[in-house]
Amino acid sequence: MMDNKFMAIVSGFKNYAFQNKEIEELALERARICAECPFAVETMFKQILPDDSIKQIEGLKCSDCGCILSAKVRQIIDSCPQHKW
């Protein structure tokens, strides 16, 4: 299970750095859901890892799974721990 989560985050950060249209469309859809979720909490990552294309989740992480949302929404390996997507 941990290997899957690790690979998901690696994939998400890769897609954050090297964006493609299909992943960004999926990420935008997921980000709308995450931005309204009570598990989305602010972190210091806004300064370290700005997200210019999806501002509503910039600097947020999921307090349930611990993932940085800018990476989490941009991967297709793992799902939302709250089953929202």
Protein backbone atom coordinates (compact mmCIF):
# COMPACT_ATOMS: atom_id res chain seq x y z
CA MET A 1 0.00 0.00 0.00
CA MET A 2 2.78 2.45 0.86
CA ASP A 3 4.49 1.74 -2.47
CA ASN A 4 1.30 2.67 -4.29
CA LYS A 5 0.97 5.93 -2.36
CA PHE A 6 4.63 6.78 -2.97
CA MET A 7 4.28 6.12 -6.71
CA ALA A 8 1.10 8.20 -6.81
CA ILE A 9 2.83 11.20 -5.26
CA VAL A 10 5.89 10.82 -7.52
CA SER A 11 3.54 10.70 -10.51
CA GLY A 12 1.62 13.72 -9.21
CA PHE A 13 4.78 15.80 -8.77
CA LYS A 14 5.95 14.77 -12.25
CA ASN A 15 2.63 15.94 -13.67
CA TYR A 16 2.88 19.14 -11.60
CA ALA A 17 6.28 19.89 -13.16
CA PHE A 18 5.51 18.69 -16.70
CA GLN A 19 1.85 19.43 -17.25
CA ASN A 20 -0.32 17.93 -19.96
CA LYS A 21 -3.84 18.95 -20.92
CA GLU A 22 -5.68 15.76 -19.93
CA ILE A 23 -4.13 15.55 -16.46
CA GLU A 24 -4.71 19.27 -15.85
CA GLU A 25 -8.40 18.93 -16.77
CA LEU A 26 -8.75 16.02 -14.33
CA ALA A 27 -6.77 17.93 -11.69
CA LEU A 28 -9.04 20.99 -12.02
CA GLU A 29 -12.12 18.83 -11.54
CA ARG A 30 -10.61 17.18 -8.45
CA ALA A 31 -9.30 20.50 -7.08
CA ARG A 32 -12.81 21.96 -7.06
CA ILE A 33 -13.86 19.11 -4.79
CA CYS A 34 -10.75 19.29 -2.59
CA ALA A 35 -10.98 23.06 -2.14
CA GLU A 36 -14.36 22.60 -0.41
CA CYS A 37 -13.30 19.61 1.70
CA PRO A 38 -12.82 20.10 5.46
CA PHE A 39 -9.73 17.85 5.30
CA ALA A 40 -7.92 20.38 3.05
CA VAL A 41 -5.66 22.38 5.36
CA GLU A 42 -3.13 25.14 4.76
CA THR A 43 0.59 24.42 4.96
CA MET A 44 3.86 26.23 4.37
CA PHE A 45 4.01 24.70 0.89
CA LYS A 46 2.39 27.76 -0.70
CA GLN A 47 5.74 29.57 -0.53
CA ILE A 48 7.80 26.51 -1.47
CA LEU A 49 5.58 25.00 -4.16
CA PRO A 50 3.36 27.61 -5.82
CA ASP A 51 0.59 26.23 -8.01
CA ASP A 52 0.00 28.84 -10.68
CA SER A 53 -2.53 26.80 -12.65
CA ILE A 54 -4.78 25.63 -9.77
CA LYS A 55 -4.83 28.45 -7.22
CA GLN A 56 -7.74 27.10 -5.13
CA ILE A 57 -5.57 24.27 -3.72
CA GLU A 58 -2.23 26.09 -3.69
CA GLY A 59 -0.41 25.32 -0.45
CA LEU A 60 -3.05 22.88 0.80
CA LYS A 61 -2.62 19.30 1.93
CA CYS A 62 -5.11 16.60 2.79
CA SER A 63 -5.14 16.09 6.56
CA ASP A 64 -6.58 12.58 6.03
CA CYS A 65 -3.88 11.08 3.78
CA GLY A 66 -1.20 13.76 4.29
CA CYS A 67 -0.65 14.41 0.58
CA ILE A 68 0.06 17.81 -0.91
CA LEU A 69 -3.02 18.49 -3.01
CA SER A 70 -1.16 20.01 -5.97
CA ALA A 71 0.42 16.58 -6.49
CA LYS A 72 -2.49 14.42 -5.28
CA VAL A 73 -4.99 15.79 -7.80
CA ARG A 74 -2.52 15.31 -10.67
CA GLN A 75 -2.04 11.55 -10.37
CA ILE A 76 -4.22 8.61 -11.43
CA ILE A 77 -2.84 5.86 -9.17
CA ASP A 78 -4.54 6.68 -5.86
CA SER A 79 -8.03 7.95 -5.05
CA CYS A 80 -9.35 10.40 -2.49
CA PRO A 81 -9.31 8.78 0.98
CA GLN A 82 -12.78 10.28 1.56
CA HIS A 83 -14.07 8.66 -1.67
CA LYS A 84 -14.93 12.05 -3.19
CA TRP A 85 -13.12 11.24 -6.45
